[in-house]
């Protein structure tokens, strides 16, 4: 696996992590969870 591919995967993982964390916070604020 090349260095560029590793960077690309890391960016996607971080992006999805932020999105999931944001959704979780929103659900907690609205009282769903």
N, C-alpha and C. Protein backbone atom coordinates (compact mmCIF):
# COMPACT_ATOMS: atom_id res chain seq x y z
N UNK A 1 0.85 -1.20 0.00
CA UNK A 1 0.00 0.00 0.00
C UNK A 1 0.89 1.25 0.00
N UNK A 2 0.59 2.16 -0.89
CA UNK A 2 1.42 3.36 -1.01
C UNK A 2 1.04 4.39 0.06
N UNK A 3 1.92 5.36 0.23
CA UNK A 3 1.71 6.39 1.25
C UNK A 3 0.45 7.20 0.97
N UNK A 4 0.22 7.51 -0.31
CA UNK A 4 -0.98 8.28 -0.68
C UNK A 4 -2.26 7.56 -0.30
N UNK A 5 -2.28 6.23 -0.48
CA UNK A 5 -3.47 5.46 -0.13
C UNK A 5 -3.71 5.49 1.38
N UNK A 6 -2.63 5.39 2.15
CA UNK A 6 -2.76 5.43 3.61
C UNK A 6 -3.37 6.76 4.04
N UNK A 7 -2.88 7.86 3.48
CA UNK A 7 -3.40 9.19 3.81
C UNK A 7 -4.88 9.28 3.46
N UNK A 8 -5.25 8.75 2.28
CA UNK A 8 -6.64 8.79 1.84
C UNK A 8 -7.54 8.04 2.82
N UNK A 9 -7.11 6.86 3.24
CA UNK A 9 -7.92 6.08 4.18
C UNK A 9 -8.03 6.79 5.52
N UNK A 10 -6.94 7.39 6.00
CA UNK A 10 -6.98 8.11 7.27
C UNK A 10 -7.96 9.27 7.21
N UNK A 11 -7.95 10.00 6.09
CA UNK A 11 -8.88 11.13 5.94
C UNK A 11 -10.32 10.63 6.00
N UNK A 12 -10.62 9.53 5.31
CA UNK A 12 -11.98 8.98 5.33
C UNK A 12 -12.39 8.53 6.73
N UNK A 13 -11.46 7.86 7.44
CA UNK A 13 -11.76 7.38 8.79
C UNK A 13 -12.05 8.55 9.72
N UNK A 14 -11.21 9.60 9.64
CA UNK A 14 -11.41 10.79 10.48
C UNK A 14 -12.74 11.45 10.14
N UNK A 15 -13.03 11.58 8.82
CA UNK A 15 -14.27 12.21 8.37
C UNK A 15 -15.48 11.47 8.92
N UNK A 16 -15.50 10.15 8.77
CA UNK A 16 -16.64 9.37 9.26
C UNK A 16 -16.74 9.43 10.78
N UNK A 17 -15.60 9.47 11.46
CA UNK A 17 -15.60 9.59 12.91
C UNK A 17 -16.25 10.88 13.37
N UNK A 18 -15.93 11.98 12.68
CA UNK A 18 -16.51 13.28 13.02
C UNK A 18 -18.02 13.27 12.76
N UNK A 19 -18.41 12.70 11.62
CA UNK A 19 -19.84 12.64 11.27
C UNK A 19 -20.61 11.81 12.29
N UNK A 20 -20.08 10.65 12.66
CA UNK A 20 -20.76 9.79 13.63
C UNK A 20 -20.83 10.46 15.00
N UNK A 21 -19.75 11.13 15.41
CA UNK A 21 -19.76 11.84 16.69
C UNK A 21 -20.80 12.96 16.68
N UNK A 22 -20.88 13.68 15.56
CA UNK A 22 -21.86 14.76 15.43
C UNK A 22 -23.29 14.23 15.52
N UNK A 23 -23.56 13.12 14.84
CA UNK A 23 -24.89 12.52 14.90
C UNK A 23 -25.22 12.07 16.32
N UNK A 24 -24.26 11.48 17.00
CA UNK A 24 -24.46 11.00 18.36
C UNK A 24 -24.81 12.16 19.30
N UNK A 25 -24.07 13.27 19.17
CA UNK A 25 -24.33 14.46 20.00
C UNK A 25 -25.72 15.02 19.70
N UNK A 26 -26.08 15.08 18.44
CA UNK A 26 -27.40 15.60 18.06
C UNK A 26 -28.51 14.73 18.64
N UNK A 27 -28.34 13.41 18.57
CA UNK A 27 -29.36 12.50 19.11
C UNK A 27 -29.46 12.64 20.63
N UNK A 28 -28.34 12.83 21.30
CA UNK A 28 -28.37 13.00 22.75
C UNK A 28 -29.07 14.30 23.12
N UNK A 29 -28.81 15.36 22.35
CA UNK A 29 -29.44 16.66 22.64
C UNK A 29 -30.95 16.60 22.44
N UNK A 30 -31.40 15.87 21.41
CA UNK A 30 -32.83 15.78 21.14
C UNK A 30 -33.51 14.74 22.02
N UNK A 31 -32.72 13.98 22.79
CA UNK A 31 -33.29 13.05 23.75
C UNK A 31 -33.67 11.70 23.16
N UNK A 32 -33.17 11.39 21.97
CA UNK A 32 -33.49 10.09 21.37
C UNK A 32 -32.78 8.98 22.12
N UNK A 33 -31.52 9.24 22.49
CA UNK A 33 -30.73 8.25 23.23
C UNK A 33 -30.86 8.53 24.72
